[in-house]
């Protein structure tokens, strides 16, 4: 959660950013997992509250993308990062391209 603001943000020149506080697991999360939906997906859409958002993670799936597309009214980028390589120039380019197309 806040570790990124303490460990990563200063190294790449970012100010402290908002942090999502993850809710405690529920029975809905257990069903979502059985359906292939990541446990973070619902919480991120709720936190975004209709605003555009980008989610960069090594566990994003097509199930998450489809769920967000049908439950979130604004633009959303769900970008999967290869955990073996971390963030690459290609990942930054994808984020920059997505940000550039926002109204």
Protein backbone atom coordinates (compact mmCIF):
# COMPACT_ATOMS: atom_id res chain seq x y z
CA UNK A 1 0.00 0.00 0.00
CA UNK A 2 1.99 3.02 1.19
CA UNK A 3 5.29 1.22 0.57
CA UNK A 4 5.32 2.48 -3.02
CA UNK A 5 5.18 6.07 -1.78
CA UNK A 6 8.06 5.43 0.60
CA UNK A 7 10.28 3.21 -1.56
CA UNK A 8 9.51 3.80 -5.23
CA UNK A 9 8.03 7.28 -5.69
CA UNK A 10 11.09 9.20 -4.42
CA UNK A 11 13.40 7.18 -6.70
CA UNK A 12 11.44 8.02 -9.83
CA UNK A 13 10.49 11.57 -8.89
CA UNK A 14 6.82 11.10 -8.03
CA UNK A 15 5.07 12.89 -5.20
CA UNK A 16 3.18 10.75 -2.68
CA UNK A 17 0.11 9.32 -4.41
CA UNK A 18 -3.26 8.22 -3.08
CA UNK A 19 -3.27 4.71 -1.68
CA UNK A 20 -6.16 2.25 -1.92
CA UNK A 21 -6.97 0.71 1.44
CA UNK A 22 -7.92 -2.89 0.69
CA UNK A 23 -11.07 -4.14 2.41
CA UNK A 24 -11.17 -7.31 4.45
CA UNK A 25 -12.00 -10.43 2.41
CA UNK A 26 -15.69 -11.36 2.14
CA UNK A 27 -17.79 -14.19 0.74
CA UNK A 28 -18.14 -12.11 -2.45
CA UNK A 29 -14.35 -12.22 -2.85
CA UNK A 30 -14.41 -16.00 -2.55
CA UNK A 31 -17.04 -16.23 -5.30
CA UNK A 32 -15.13 -13.74 -7.46
CA UNK A 33 -12.01 -15.87 -7.12
CA UNK A 34 -13.93 -18.94 -8.26
CA UNK A 35 -15.19 -16.90 -11.24
CA UNK A 36 -11.64 -15.76 -12.08
CA UNK A 37 -12.02 -12.15 -10.91
CA UNK A 38 -9.04 -10.72 -9.00
CA UNK A 39 -9.74 -9.78 -5.39
CA UNK A 40 -8.62 -6.18 -6.08
CA UNK A 41 -10.96 -5.51 -9.00
CA UNK A 42 -14.15 -4.53 -7.17
CA UNK A 43 -12.24 -2.41 -4.65
CA UNK A 44 -10.41 -0.50 -7.39
CA UNK A 45 -13.61 0.26 -9.29
CA UNK A 46 -15.26 1.42 -6.07
CA UNK A 47 -12.24 3.58 -5.17
CA UNK A 48 -12.17 5.13 -8.67
CA UNK A 49 -15.79 6.24 -8.12
CA UNK A 50 -16.47 6.78 -11.81
CA UNK A 51 -13.13 8.48 -12.53
CA UNK A 52 -10.62 7.19 -15.11
CA UNK A 53 -7.96 4.95 -13.58
CA UNK A 54 -4.99 2.81 -14.57
CA UNK A 55 -4.21 -0.44 -12.80
CA UNK A 56 -0.73 -1.86 -13.36
CA UNK A 57 -0.29 -5.35 -11.92
CA UNK A 58 1.21 -8.71 -12.73
CA UNK A 59 -2.10 -10.51 -12.08
CA UNK A 60 -4.55 -8.60 -14.30
CA UNK A 61 -6.61 -10.93 -16.51
CA UNK A 62 -9.17 -10.67 -19.30
CA UNK A 63 -11.85 -11.48 -16.71
CA UNK A 64 -10.87 -8.35 -14.77
CA UNK A 65 -10.87 -6.25 -17.95
CA UNK A 66 -14.34 -7.48 -18.93
CA UNK A 67 -15.75 -6.88 -15.43
CA UNK A 68 -14.35 -3.34 -15.28
CA UNK A 69 -15.65 -2.57 -18.78
CA UNK A 70 -19.16 -3.58 -17.74
CA UNK A 71 -19.13 -2.00 -14.24
CA UNK A 72 -17.09 1.19 -14.61
CA UNK A 73 -18.44 4.15 -16.61
CA UNK A 74 -15.12 5.92 -17.19
CA UNK A 75 -11.93 4.98 -19.02
CA UNK A 76 -9.81 2.35 -17.33
CA UNK A 77 -6.51 0.77 -18.29
CA UNK A 78 -5.82 -2.63 -16.80
CA UNK A 79 -2.21 -3.24 -17.79
CA UNK A 80 -0.47 -6.51 -17.01
CA UNK A 81 3.25 -6.33 -16.22
CA UNK A 82 5.50 -9.34 -16.63
CA UNK A 83 6.70 -10.11 -13.08
CA UNK A 84 9.97 -11.48 -14.44
CA UNK A 85 10.90 -8.08 -15.88
CA UNK A 86 9.04 -5.48 -13.83
CA UNK A 87 8.11 -2.20 -15.47
CA UNK A 88 9.75 -1.83 -18.87
CA UNK A 89 9.95 0.97 -21.41
CA UNK A 90 7.04 -0.72 -23.22
CA UNK A 91 4.91 -0.54 -20.08
CA UNK A 92 5.65 3.15 -19.65
CA UNK A 93 4.84 3.72 -23.33
CA UNK A 94 1.48 1.96 -22.90
CA UNK A 95 0.65 4.14 -19.88
CA UNK A 96 1.75 7.30 -21.69
CA UNK A 97 -0.36 6.40 -24.73
CA UNK A 98 -3.43 5.71 -22.59
CA UNK A 99 -2.98 8.94 -20.63
CA UNK A 100 -2.60 10.86 -23.88
CA UNK A 101 -6.00 9.72 -25.15
CA UNK A 102 -7.93 10.80 -22.05
CA UNK A 103 -10.21 13.81 -22.57
